[in-house]
Protein backbone atom coordinates (compact mmCIF):
# COMPACT_ATOMS: atom_id res chain seq x y z
CA GLU A 1 5.46 -20.51 25.31
CA ASN A 2 3.21 -18.67 27.77
CA ALA A 3 0.78 -21.59 27.69
CA LEU A 4 3.57 -24.06 28.44
CA ARG A 5 5.01 -22.01 31.27
CA ALA A 6 1.61 -21.36 32.83
CA SER A 7 0.98 -25.10 32.92
CA GLY A 8 4.35 -25.98 34.42
CA TYR A 9 6.13 -27.16 31.29
CA SER A 10 9.41 -25.98 29.82
CA THR A 11 9.45 -24.31 26.42
CA SER A 12 11.29 -27.14 24.70
CA LEU A 13 9.82 -28.96 21.71
CA GLU A 14 9.75 -32.14 23.79
CA ASP A 15 7.61 -30.50 26.46
CA ALA A 16 5.41 -28.91 23.81
CA ARG A 17 4.66 -32.42 22.56
CA LYS A 18 4.10 -33.62 26.13
CA TYR A 19 1.72 -30.72 26.72
CA LEU A 20 -0.43 -31.80 23.77
CA HIS A 21 -0.24 -35.47 24.76
CA ASP A 22 -1.35 -34.66 28.30
CA TRP A 23 -4.33 -32.67 27.02
CA CYS A 24 -5.20 -35.56 24.71
CA ASP A 25 -5.19 -37.89 27.73
CA THR A 26 -7.53 -35.47 29.51
CA MET A 27 -9.94 -34.64 26.68
CA LYS A 28 -9.72 -37.86 24.64
CA PRO A 29 -10.46 -36.00 21.38
CA GLU A 30 -11.65 -37.61 18.17
CA TYR A 31 -9.66 -35.06 16.16
CA LEU A 32 -7.79 -31.78 16.54
CA MET A 33 -9.28 -28.67 14.95
CA ALA A 34 -8.05 -25.23 13.95
CA SER A 35 -9.58 -22.29 12.12
CA THR A 36 -6.68 -20.87 10.14
CA PRO A 37 -5.97 -17.11 9.88
CA HIS A 38 -6.85 -15.41 6.62
CA ASP A 39 -3.21 -15.23 5.51
CA PHE A 40 -2.31 -18.81 6.42
CA SER A 41 0.19 -20.34 4.03
CA LEU A 42 2.59 -23.23 4.08
CA PRO A 43 5.72 -22.42 2.06
CA PRO A 44 7.04 -25.05 -0.34
CA SER A 45 10.00 -27.11 0.80
CA GLU A 46 12.32 -29.50 -0.94
CA GLY A 47 12.20 -32.12 1.80
CA GLY A 48 9.37 -34.62 2.05
CA GLY A 49 8.20 -34.18 5.64
CA THR A 50 10.27 -31.19 6.69
CA LEU A 51 10.17 -27.46 6.19
CA SER A 52 13.17 -25.73 4.66
CA GLY A 53 15.07 -22.94 6.36
CA VAL A 54 13.41 -23.32 9.77
CA THR A 55 14.93 -22.37 13.10
CA LYS A 56 14.35 -24.05 16.43
CA LYS A 57 11.84 -21.62 17.76
CA GLY A 58 8.56 -23.52 17.42
CA VAL A 59 6.33 -20.54 18.22
CA ASN A 60 5.88 -17.16 16.61
CA GLU A 61 7.47 -14.94 19.24
CA SER A 62 5.94 -11.71 17.94
CA SER A 63 2.45 -13.08 18.47
CA LEU A 64 3.24 -13.90 22.09
CA GLN A 65 3.84 -10.20 22.68
CA SER A 66 0.24 -9.53 21.64
CA PRO A 67 -2.30 -9.03 24.41
CA PHE A 68 -4.38 -12.07 25.40
CA ALA A 69 -2.45 -14.54 23.21
CA PHE A 70 -3.07 -17.21 25.85
CA ALA A 71 -5.45 -15.31 28.10
CA ASP A 72 -7.30 -18.33 29.43
CA LEU A 73 -4.12 -20.00 30.65
CA THR A 74 -2.30 -16.98 31.97
CA GLY A 75 -5.23 -15.52 33.86
CA ASN A 76 -5.51 -12.30 31.88
CA ASP A 77 -8.88 -10.61 31.67
CA CYS A 78 -10.03 -11.00 28.07
CA ASN A 79 -13.60 -9.70 28.38
CA ASP A 80 -12.93 -6.95 25.88
CA CYS A 81 -10.83 -9.10 23.60
CA GLU A 82 -12.04 -9.61 20.04
CA ALA A 83 -10.16 -11.78 17.55
CA THR A 84 -8.62 -9.75 14.79
CA ASP A 85 -6.58 -10.65 11.76
CA ASN A 86 -4.28 -7.74 12.45
CA LEU A 87 -2.47 -9.93 14.97
CA PRO A 88 0.04 -12.51 13.72
CA SER A 89 -0.84 -16.17 13.86
CA ILE A 90 0.26 -17.81 17.12
CA ILE A 91 1.58 -20.74 15.09
CA ASN A 92 4.34 -19.65 12.76
CA GLU A 93 3.94 -21.73 9.61
CA THR A 94 7.67 -21.44 8.87
CA SER A 95 8.72 -22.83 12.25
CA ASP A 96 9.27 -26.39 13.35
CA PHE A 97 6.19 -26.36 15.61
CA LEU A 98 4.31 -27.93 12.73
CA THR A 99 6.79 -30.66 11.81
CA GLU A 100 8.21 -31.47 15.24
CA VAL A 101 5.24 -30.95 17.55
CA LEU A 102 1.79 -30.90 15.98
CA MET A 103 2.23 -33.47 13.21
CA PRO A 104 4.12 -36.02 15.36
CA VAL A 105 1.37 -35.83 18.01
CA CYS A 106 -1.31 -36.35 15.37
CA GLU A 107 0.58 -39.33 13.98
CA GLU A 108 1.39 -40.92 17.34
CA ARG A 109 -2.17 -40.47 18.59
CA ASP A 110 -3.73 -41.38 15.24
CA LEU A 111 -5.67 -38.11 15.42
CA PRO A 112 -6.87 -36.31 12.28
CA LEU A 113 -6.33 -32.56 11.99
CA ALA A 114 -9.50 -30.69 11.00
CA LEU A 115 -8.96 -27.34 9.28
CA LYS A 116 -11.52 -24.59 8.70
CA ILE A 117 -10.02 -22.40 6.02
CA GLY A 118 -10.88 -18.97 4.69
CA ALA A 119 -12.18 -16.81 7.56
CA HIS A 120 -11.09 -13.17 7.75
CA ARG A 121 -11.61 -11.93 11.29
CA SER A 122 -12.90 -8.45 12.10
CA VAL A 123 -13.48 -7.16 8.60
CA ASN A 124 -15.67 -4.63 10.40
CA PRO A 125 -14.30 -4.35 13.97
CA ALA A 126 -17.23 -2.15 15.03
CA LEU A 127 -19.49 -5.23 14.85
CA LEU A 128 -17.20 -7.15 17.24
CA SER A 129 -17.63 -10.93 16.77
CA ALA A 130 -20.32 -10.30 14.13
CA GLY A 131 -17.83 -8.41 11.96
CA ASP A 132 -15.99 -11.41 10.54
CA GLY A 133 -15.79 -11.94 6.79
CA LEU A 134 -14.18 -14.33 4.36
CA VAL A 135 -11.25 -14.60 1.99
CA ALA A 136 -12.34 -14.70 -1.66
CA PHE A 137 -9.68 -17.27 -2.56
CA ALA A 138 -7.92 -19.20 0.22
CA ASP A 139 -4.60 -20.92 -0.51
CA THR A 140 -5.54 -24.54 -1.26
CA ASN A 141 -1.91 -25.30 -2.13
CA SER A 142 -1.10 -25.19 1.57
CA LEU A 143 -3.60 -27.98 2.19
CA ALA A 144 -2.18 -30.00 -0.69
CA ARG A 145 1.35 -29.63 0.70
CA LEU A 146 0.20 -30.72 4.15
CA CYS A 147 -1.43 -33.84 2.74
CA GLY A 148 1.63 -34.62 0.64
CA ARG A 149 4.23 -34.00 3.34
CA PHE A 150 2.39 -35.90 6.05
CA PRO A 151 0.74 -38.92 4.39
CA LYS A 152 0.31 -40.70 7.72
CA VAL A 153 -1.82 -37.86 9.11
CA ARG A 154 -5.47 -37.59 8.09
CA PHE A 155 -6.87 -34.15 7.34
CA LEU A 156 -10.46 -32.95 7.49
CA ALA A 157 -11.10 -29.69 5.66
CA THR A 158 -13.87 -27.23 4.92
CA PHE A 159 -13.56 -23.94 3.04
CA LEU A 160 -15.52 -20.79 3.73
CA SER A 161 -15.54 -19.39 0.19
CA ARG A 162 -17.55 -21.00 -2.61
CA ASN A 163 -14.62 -20.18 -4.90
CA ASN A 164 -12.50 -22.89 -3.28
CA GLN A 165 -15.03 -25.71 -3.41
CA GLN A 166 -14.14 -27.24 -6.77
CA GLU A 167 -10.43 -27.30 -6.04
CA ALA A 168 -11.17 -28.85 -2.65
CA CYS A 169 -13.01 -31.68 -4.41
CA VAL A 170 -10.08 -32.22 -6.75
CA LEU A 171 -7.67 -32.39 -3.80
CA ALA A 172 -9.91 -34.89 -2.02
CA SER A 173 -9.80 -37.11 -5.12
CA LYS A 174 -5.98 -36.96 -5.17
CA PHE A 175 -5.14 -37.48 -1.48
CA ARG A 176 -6.52 -40.47 0.39
CA ASN A 177 -5.70 -38.73 3.68
CA LEU A 178 -8.07 -35.81 2.98
CA HIS A 179 -11.79 -35.71 3.75
CA ILE A 180 -13.99 -32.75 2.77
CA TYR A 181 -16.92 -31.89 5.01
CA GLY A 182 -19.78 -29.46 5.53
CA CYS A 183 -21.05 -26.14 4.27
CA TRP A 184 -19.54 -23.77 6.76
CA TRP A 185 -20.85 -20.37 7.90
CA PHE A 186 -21.36 -18.18 4.81
CA CYS A 187 -21.80 -21.33 2.70
CA ASN A 188 -24.72 -22.37 4.92
CA ASN A 189 -27.28 -20.89 2.53
CA PRO A 190 -29.71 -23.24 0.73
CA SER A 191 -28.66 -22.10 -2.74
CA ILE A 192 -24.97 -22.59 -2.00
CA ILE A 193 -25.53 -25.89 -0.16
CA LYS A 194 -27.31 -27.17 -3.28
CA GLU A 195 -24.51 -26.04 -5.60
CA ILE A 196 -21.70 -27.42 -3.43
CA THR A 197 -23.41 -30.74 -2.66
CA GLN A 198 -24.27 -31.40 -6.30
CA MET A 199 -20.69 -30.69 -7.35
CA ARG A 200 -19.30 -32.93 -4.62
CA VAL A 201 -21.60 -35.81 -5.56
CA GLU A 202 -20.61 -35.46 -9.21
CA MET A 203 -16.89 -35.39 -8.37
CA LEU A 204 -16.59 -37.55 -5.23
CA GLY A 205 -19.67 -39.75 -5.20
CA THR A 206 -20.49 -40.22 -1.51
CA ALA A 207 -16.89 -39.91 -0.26
CA PHE A 208 -17.51 -36.72 1.73
CA THR A 209 -19.64 -35.45 4.60
CA ALA A 210 -22.49 -33.32 3.30
CA GLN A 211 -23.06 -31.21 6.40
CA HIS A 212 -21.80 -30.78 9.96
CA SER A 213 -23.32 -29.11 13.02
CA ASP A 214 -20.78 -26.32 13.67
CA ALA A 215 -23.32 -24.73 16.02
CA ARG A 216 -22.40 -22.31 18.77
CA VAL A 217 -25.91 -22.57 20.21
CA VAL A 218 -28.65 -25.20 19.85
CA ASP A 219 -30.91 -22.84 17.91
CA GLN A 220 -28.37 -22.74 15.06
CA LEU A 221 -28.30 -26.53 14.88
CA ILE A 222 -32.09 -26.78 14.57
CA TYR A 223 -32.49 -24.53 11.53
CA LYS A 224 -29.25 -25.68 9.91
CA TRP A 225 -30.24 -29.35 9.82
CA SER A 226 -33.80 -28.55 8.83
CA HIS A 227 -32.92 -26.74 5.62
CA SER A 228 -29.80 -28.81 4.91
CA ARG A 229 -31.73 -32.09 4.87
CA ALA A 230 -34.33 -30.64 2.53
CA VAL A 231 -31.75 -29.24 0.10
CA ILE A 232 -29.53 -32.34 0.10
CA ALA A 233 -32.57 -34.59 -0.44
CA LYS A 234 -33.43 -32.63 -3.61
CA VAL A 235 -29.86 -32.98 -4.86
CA LEU A 236 -29.96 -36.74 -4.33
CA LEU A 237 -33.37 -36.99 -5.99
CA THR A 238 -31.95 -35.34 -9.11
CA GLU A 239 -29.01 -37.76 -9.16
CA TYR A 240 -31.26 -40.79 -8.75
CA GLU A 241 -33.49 -39.54 -11.56
CA LYS A 242 -30.40 -39.43 -13.79
CA ALA A 243 -29.57 -42.99 -12.76
CA ILE A 244 -33.10 -44.21 -13.54
CA ALA A 245 -33.01 -42.46 -16.93
CA SER A 246 -29.79 -44.35 -17.72
CA GLY A 247 -31.41 -47.68 -16.91
CA TRP A 248 -30.38 -48.28 -13.30
CA ARG A 249 -33.07 -48.21 -10.61
CA PRO A 250 -31.59 -47.83 -7.10
CA THR A 251 -33.07 -49.94 -4.34
CA ARG A 252 -34.24 -48.62 -0.98
CA LYS A 253 -31.20 -50.27 0.60
CA GLU A 254 -28.83 -48.50 -1.77
CA ILE A 255 -30.48 -45.15 -1.13
CA ARG A 256 -30.21 -45.65 2.63
CA ARG A 257 -26.55 -46.58 2.17
CA ASP A 258 -25.82 -43.39 0.23
CA VAL A 259 -27.64 -41.15 2.70
CA GLY A 260 -25.86 -42.84 5.59
CA ARG A 261 -22.47 -42.22 3.99
CA LEU A 262 -23.20 -38.54 3.36
CA PHE A 263 -24.31 -38.01 6.95
CA GLY A 264 -21.52 -39.68 8.87
CA GLY A 265 -20.77 -43.04 7.30
CA SER A 266 -18.11 -41.74 4.93
CA PHE A 267 -16.47 -39.90 7.82
CA SER A 268 -16.44 -43.09 9.92
CA GLU A 269 -14.83 -44.99 7.05
CA PHE A 270 -12.24 -42.25 6.62
CA MET A 271 -11.38 -42.42 10.31
CA THR A 272 -10.43 -46.09 9.98
CA LYS A 273 -7.88 -45.48 7.18
């Protein structure tokens, strides 16, 4: 509500949608993205595309009472502000903000919603932004319910914990509007990249994106792609060796096709669905 008022909009659901539409006109995004709070959950509902028991509030009012909730828009000084999971999520998952604002905008604009799931902010507040951790098991059921309730909206998802990776692959095989991507943050270790990529290839073929940049600074991008390419190449080599042992010898064209799909081609195909 503060963001809407600061930008000259009313706090109605209609103006909330207009606010997002206007920003889409300005930024021309390829997708919308959110890193969910550690306790994010989407309660079950009996209706297909609606949430049960909601009230017309749209925004979690308690979170708006927290300092710096919309600091950039309201002009507050946020130099000493560090994200913490002790604060409630600005989006209340039991409100109609999801069903009557965010999802309609995604559908009308044909914009996918990218979710980064499983971060636990400020596990050690003394380390400031370096003190973030992860959730051992994030709630993948929330993602499944989103995909099921909003079949016309495409979802991109990556999970921070290795414990969620297999279930994420299963969900991607069940929902055509879900695309799994990348090895994010604490999964960006060569041993874990190898494990996750091999499992994804075995379960999804090439219908996923093996790695994404996710770099705050250029230096991160350089090392990330260097070791990711090497690890993913070894995974593919193992899979092609299995294919050759079974009697099928892949051609150079087929190998290039597979690599292209893992590094952007599959994502491009998903975006046209």
